[in-house]
Amino acid sequence: MDKNSVDKLFNSLSPEQQKQVEQILSDKKQTEKILQSPQAQALIKKLMGEK
């Protein structure tokens, strides 16, 4: 996923959703916790083209 795709995705969110994403990403511990979840791991694999 390139930066343009990420920007398009982020810009498609409502202002409230954008604020929530920014708050989560600004908290390193919260971001790490989310990224370690099975759901996030499955999504990452799907986005990377793995099965």
PDB file of N, CA and C in Angstrom:
ATOM      1  N   MET A   1       0.859  -1.170   0.000  1.00  0.00           N
ATOM      2  CA  MET A   1       0.000   0.000   0.000  1.00  0.00           C
ATOM      3  C   MET A   1       0.904   1.231   0.000  1.00  0.00           C
ATOM      4  N   ASP A   2       0.731   2.093  -0.974  1.00  0.00           N
ATOM      5  CA  ASP A   2       1.575   3.273  -1.042  1.00  0.00           C
ATOM      6  C   ASP A   2       0.958   4.439  -0.281  1.00  0.00           C
ATOM      7  N   LYS A   3       1.740   5.500  -0.139  1.00  0.00           N
ATOM      8  CA  LYS A   3       1.300   6.658   0.636  1.00  0.00           C
ATOM      9  C   LYS A   3       0.029   7.274   0.074  1.00  0.00           C
ATOM     10  N   ASN A   4      -0.105   7.311  -1.263  1.00  0.00           N
ATOM     11  CA  ASN A   4      -1.311   7.875  -1.870  1.00  0.00           C
ATOM     12  C   ASN A   4      -2.549   7.086  -1.477  1.00  0.00           C
ATOM     13  N   SER A   5      -2.424   5.771  -1.411  1.00  0.00           N
ATOM     14  CA  SER A   5      -3.551   4.937  -1.004  1.00  0.00           C
ATOM     15  C   SER A   5      -3.928   5.207   0.447  1.00  0.00           C
ATOM     16  N   VAL A   6      -2.927   5.351   1.283  1.00  0.00           N
ATOM     17  CA  VAL A   6      -3.170   5.637   2.699  1.00  0.00           C
ATOM     18  C   VAL A   6      -3.835   7.000   2.845  1.00  0.00           C
ATOM     19  N   ASP A   7      -3.331   7.990   2.094  1.00  0.00           N
ATOM     20  CA  ASP A   7      -3.913   9.331   2.149  1.00  0.00           C
ATOM     21  C   ASP A   7      -5.375   9.310   1.700  1.00  0.00           C
ATOM     22  N   LYS A   8      -5.664   8.586   0.621  1.00  0.00           N
ATOM     23  CA  LYS A   8      -7.044   8.497   0.125  1.00  0.00           C
ATOM     24  C   LYS A   8      -7.942   7.848   1.170  1.00  0.00           C
ATOM     25  N   LEU A   9      -7.460   6.779   1.780  1.00  0.00           N
ATOM     26  CA  LEU A   9      -8.231   6.093   2.811  1.00  0.00           C
ATOM     27  C   LEU A   9      -8.489   7.020   3.988  1.00  0.00           C
ATOM     28  N   PHE A  10      -7.439   7.685   4.459  1.00  0.00           N
ATOM     29  CA  PHE A  10      -7.572   8.592   5.602  1.00  0.00           C
ATOM     30  C   PHE A  10      -8.547   9.729   5.281  1.00  0.00           C
ATOM     31  N   ASN A  11      -8.444  10.287   4.076  1.00  0.00           N
ATOM     32  CA  ASN A  11      -9.298  11.404   3.691  1.00  0.00           C
ATOM     33  C   ASN A  11     -10.755  10.989   3.473  1.00  0.00           C
ATOM     34  N   SER A  12     -10.996   9.687   3.316  1.00  0.00           N
ATOM     35  CA  SER A  12     -12.372   9.212   3.153  1.00  0.00           C
ATOM     36  C   SER A  12     -13.091   9.072   4.495  1.00  0.00           C
ATOM     37  N   LEU A  13     -12.338   9.170   5.573  1.00  0.00           N
ATOM     38  CA  LEU A  13     -12.927   9.086   6.910  1.00  0.00           C
ATOM     39  C   LEU A  13     -13.584  10.410   7.289  1.00  0.00           C
ATOM     40  N   SER A  14     -14.544  10.312   8.186  1.00  0.00           N
ATOM     41  CA  SER A  14     -15.157  11.539   8.693  1.00  0.00           C
ATOM     42  C   SER A  14     -14.137  12.248   9.585  1.00  0.00           C
ATOM     43  N   PRO A  15     -14.325  13.553   9.813  1.00  0.00           N
ATOM     44  CA  PRO A  15     -13.393  14.267  10.712  1.00  0.00           C
ATOM     45  C   PRO A  15     -13.284  13.599  12.085  1.00  0.00           C
ATOM     46  N   GLU A  16     -14.387  13.080  12.582  1.00  0.00           N
ATOM     47  CA  GLU A  16     -14.364  12.407  13.892  1.00  0.00           C
ATOM     48  C   GLU A  16     -13.518  11.133  13.826  1.00  0.00           C
ATOM     49  N   GLN A  17     -13.668  10.361  12.751  1.00  0.00           N
ATOM     50  CA  GLN A  17     -12.875   9.143  12.590  1.00  0.00           C
ATOM     51  C   GLN A  17     -11.401   9.480  12.414  1.00  0.00           C
ATOM     52  N   GLN A  18     -11.095  10.542  11.678  1.00  0.00           N
ATOM     53  CA  GLN A  18      -9.703  10.967  11.500  1.00  0.00           C
ATOM     54  C   GLN A  18      -9.086  11.307  12.854  1.00  0.00           C
ATOM     55  N   LYS A  19      -9.849  11.992  13.686  1.00  0.00           N
ATOM     56  CA  LYS A  19      -9.356  12.366  15.017  1.00  0.00           C
ATOM     57  C   LYS A  19      -9.072  11.116  15.852  1.00  0.00           C
ATOM     58  N   GLN A  20      -9.965  10.125  15.769  1.00  0.00           N
ATOM     59  CA  GLN A  20      -9.772   8.886  16.521  1.00  0.00           C
ATOM     60  C   GLN A  20      -8.506   8.162  16.059  1.00  0.00           C
ATOM     61  N   VAL A  21      -8.300   8.088  14.749  1.00  0.00           N
ATOM     62  CA  VAL A  21      -7.109   7.426  14.212  1.00  0.00           C
ATOM     63  C   VAL A  21      -5.856   8.155  14.683  1.00  0.00           C
ATOM     64  N   GLU A  22      -5.862   9.474  14.610  1.00  0.00           N
ATOM     65  CA  GLU A  22      -4.699  10.255  15.052  1.00  0.00           C
ATOM     66  C   GLU A  22      -4.417  10.042  16.535  1.00  0.00           C
ATOM     67  N   GLN A  23      -5.470   9.950  17.359  1.00  0.00           N
ATOM     68  CA  GLN A  23      -5.276   9.737  18.794  1.00  0.00           C
ATOM     69  C   GLN A  23      -4.660   8.369  19.054  1.00  0.00           C
ATOM     70  N   ILE A  24      -5.147   7.357  18.344  1.00  0.00           N
ATOM     71  CA  ILE A  24      -4.612   6.001  18.523  1.00  0.00           C
ATOM     72  C   ILE A  24      -3.154   5.940  18.089  1.00  0.00           C
ATOM     73  N   LEU A  25      -2.855   6.515  16.919  1.00  0.00           N
ATOM     74  CA  LEU A  25      -1.494   6.442  16.396  1.00  0.00           C
ATOM     75  C   LEU A  25      -0.511   7.271  17.208  1.00  0.00           C
ATOM     76  N   SER A  26      -0.995   8.277  17.924  1.00  0.00           N
ATOM     77  CA  SER A  26      -0.104   9.100  18.740  1.00  0.00           C
ATOM     78  C   SER A  26       0.289   8.394  20.046  1.00  0.00           C
ATOM     79  N   ASP A  27      -0.451   7.342  20.407  1.00  0.00           N
ATOM     80  CA  ASP A  27      -0.175   6.567  21.617  1.00  0.00           C
ATOM     81  C   ASP A  27       0.527   5.274  21.201  1.00  0.00           C
ATOM     82  N   LYS A  28       1.848   5.238  21.351  1.00  0.00           N
ATOM     83  CA  LYS A  28       2.635   4.095  20.877  1.00  0.00           C
ATOM     84  C   LYS A  28       2.170   2.775  21.489  1.00  0.00           C
ATOM     85  N   LYS A  29       1.879   2.750  22.763  1.00  0.00           N
ATOM     86  CA  LYS A  29       1.447   1.508  23.412  1.00  0.00           C
ATOM     87  C   LYS A  29       0.110   1.030  22.839  1.00  0.00           C
ATOM     88  N   GLN A  30      -0.808   1.959  22.610  1.00  0.00           N
ATOM     89  CA  GLN A  30      -2.111   1.609  22.049  1.00  0.00           C
ATOM     90  C   GLN A  30      -1.947   1.083  20.626  1.00  0.00           C
ATOM     91  N   THR A  31      -1.087   1.727  19.842  1.00  0.00           N
ATOM     92  CA  THR A  31      -0.842   1.294  18.464  1.00  0.00           C
ATOM     93  C   THR A  31      -0.260  -0.116  18.449  1.00  0.00           C
ATOM     94  N   GLU A  32       0.725  -0.375  19.296  1.00  0.00           N
ATOM     95  CA  GLU A  32       1.331  -1.703  19.362  1.00  0.00           C
ATOM     96  C   GLU A  32       0.314  -2.759  19.769  1.00  0.00           C
ATOM     97  N   LYS A  33      -0.540  -2.429  20.735  1.00  0.00           N
ATOM     98  CA  LYS A  33      -1.563  -3.362  21.199  1.00  0.00           C
ATOM     99  C   LYS A  33      -2.517  -3.715  20.056  1.00  0.00           C
ATOM    100  N   ILE A  34      -2.932  -2.713  19.307  1.00  0.00           N
ATOM    101  CA  ILE A  34      -3.842  -2.948  18.189  1.00  0.00           C
ATOM    102  C   ILE A  34      -3.171  -3.787  17.113  1.00  0.00           C
ATOM    103  N   LEU A  35      -1.923  -3.445  16.771  1.00  0.00           N
ATOM    104  CA  LEU A  35      -1.225  -4.164  15.712  1.00  0.00           C
ATOM    105  C   LEU A  35      -0.948  -5.620  16.069  1.00  0.00           C
ATOM    106  N   GLN A  36      -0.911  -5.951  17.347  1.00  0.00           N
ATOM    107  CA  GLN A  36      -0.659  -7.324  17.768  1.00  0.00           C
ATOM    108  C   GLN A  36      -1.934  -8.177  17.795  1.00  0.00           C
ATOM    109  N   SER A  37      -3.098  -7.548  17.617  1.00  0.00           N
ATOM    110  CA  SER A  37      -4.352  -8.303  17.666  1.00  0.00           C
ATOM    111  C   SER A  37      -4.446  -9.240  16.463  1.00  0.00           C
ATOM    112  N   PRO A  38      -5.119 -10.371  16.635  1.00  0.00           N
ATOM    113  CA  PRO A  38      -5.262 -11.316  15.517  1.00  0.00           C
ATOM    114  C   PRO A  38      -5.944 -10.674  14.300  1.00  0.00           C
ATOM    115  N   GLN A  39      -6.900  -9.792  14.541  1.00  0.00           N
ATOM    116  CA  GLN A  39      -7.605  -9.141  13.442  1.00  0.00           C
ATOM    117  C   GLN A  39      -6.660  -8.255  12.632  1.00  0.00           C
ATOM    118  N   ALA A  40      -5.829  -7.484  13.319  1.00  0.00           N
ATOM    119  CA  ALA A  40      -4.874  -6.617  12.628  1.00  0.00           C
ATOM    120  C   ALA A  40      -3.846  -7.451  11.881  1.00  0.00           C
ATOM    121  N   GLN A  41      -3.377  -8.531  12.481  1.00  0.00           N
ATOM    122  CA  GLN A  41      -2.397  -9.394  11.830  1.00  0.00           C
ATOM    123  C   GLN A  41      -2.983 -10.001  10.549  1.00  0.00           C
ATOM    124  N   ALA A  42      -4.250 -10.424  10.603  1.00  0.00           N
ATOM    125  CA  ALA A  42      -4.898 -10.996   9.425  1.00  0.00           C
ATOM    126  C   ALA A  42      -5.058  -9.937   8.333  1.00  0.00           C
ATOM    127  N   LEU A  43      -5.429  -8.727   8.719  1.00  0.00           N
ATOM    128  CA  LEU A  43      -5.587  -7.644   7.757  1.00  0.00           C
ATOM    129  C   LEU A  43      -4.248  -7.284   7.112  1.00  0.00           C
ATOM    130  N   ILE A  44      -3.210  -7.225   7.917  1.00  0.00           N
ATOM    131  CA  ILE A  44      -1.872  -6.913   7.393  1.00  0.00           C
ATOM    132  C   ILE A  44      -1.453  -7.974   6.377  1.00  0.00           C
ATOM    133  N   LYS A  45      -1.668  -9.239   6.708  1.00  0.00           N
ATOM    134  CA  LYS A  45      -1.314 -10.310   5.778  1.00  0.00           C
ATOM    135  C   LYS A  45      -2.107 -10.183   4.484  1.00  0.00           C
ATOM    136  N   LYS A  46      -3.386  -9.870   4.598  1.00  0.00           N
ATOM    137  CA  LYS A  46      -4.227  -9.717   3.406  1.00  0.00           C
ATOM    138  C   LYS A  46      -3.738  -8.557   2.549  1.00  0.00           C
ATOM    139  N   LEU A  47      -3.409  -7.434   3.182  1.00  0.00           N
ATOM    140  CA  LEU A  47      -2.925  -6.266   2.450  1.00  0.00           C
ATOM    141  C   LEU A  47      -1.573  -6.521   1.790  1.00  0.00           C
ATOM    142  N   MET A  48      -0.770  -7.363   2.419  1.00  0.00           N
ATOM    143  CA  MET A  48       0.561  -7.665   1.886  1.00  0.00           C
ATOM    144  C   MET A  48       0.489  -8.762   0.808  1.00  0.00           C
ATOM    145  N   GLY A  49      -0.687  -9.322   0.597  1.00  0.00           N
ATOM    146  CA  GLY A  49      -0.859 -10.335  -0.448  1.00  0.00           C
ATOM    147  C   GLY A  49      -0.586 -11.748   0.011  1.00  0.00           C
ATOM    148  N   GLU A  50      -0.441 -11.948   1.312  1.00  0.00           N
ATOM    149  CA  GLU A  50      -0.223 -13.293   1.837  1.00  0.00           C
ATOM    150  C   GLU A  50      -1.573 -13.956   2.073  1.00  0.00           C
ATOM    151  N   LYS A  51      -1.547 -15.273   2.153  1.00  0.00           N
ATOM    152  CA  LYS A  51      -2.798 -16.012   2.412  1.00  0.00           C
ATOM    153  C   LYS A  51      -2.717 -16.718   3.719  1.00  0.00           C
TER     154      LYS A  51
END
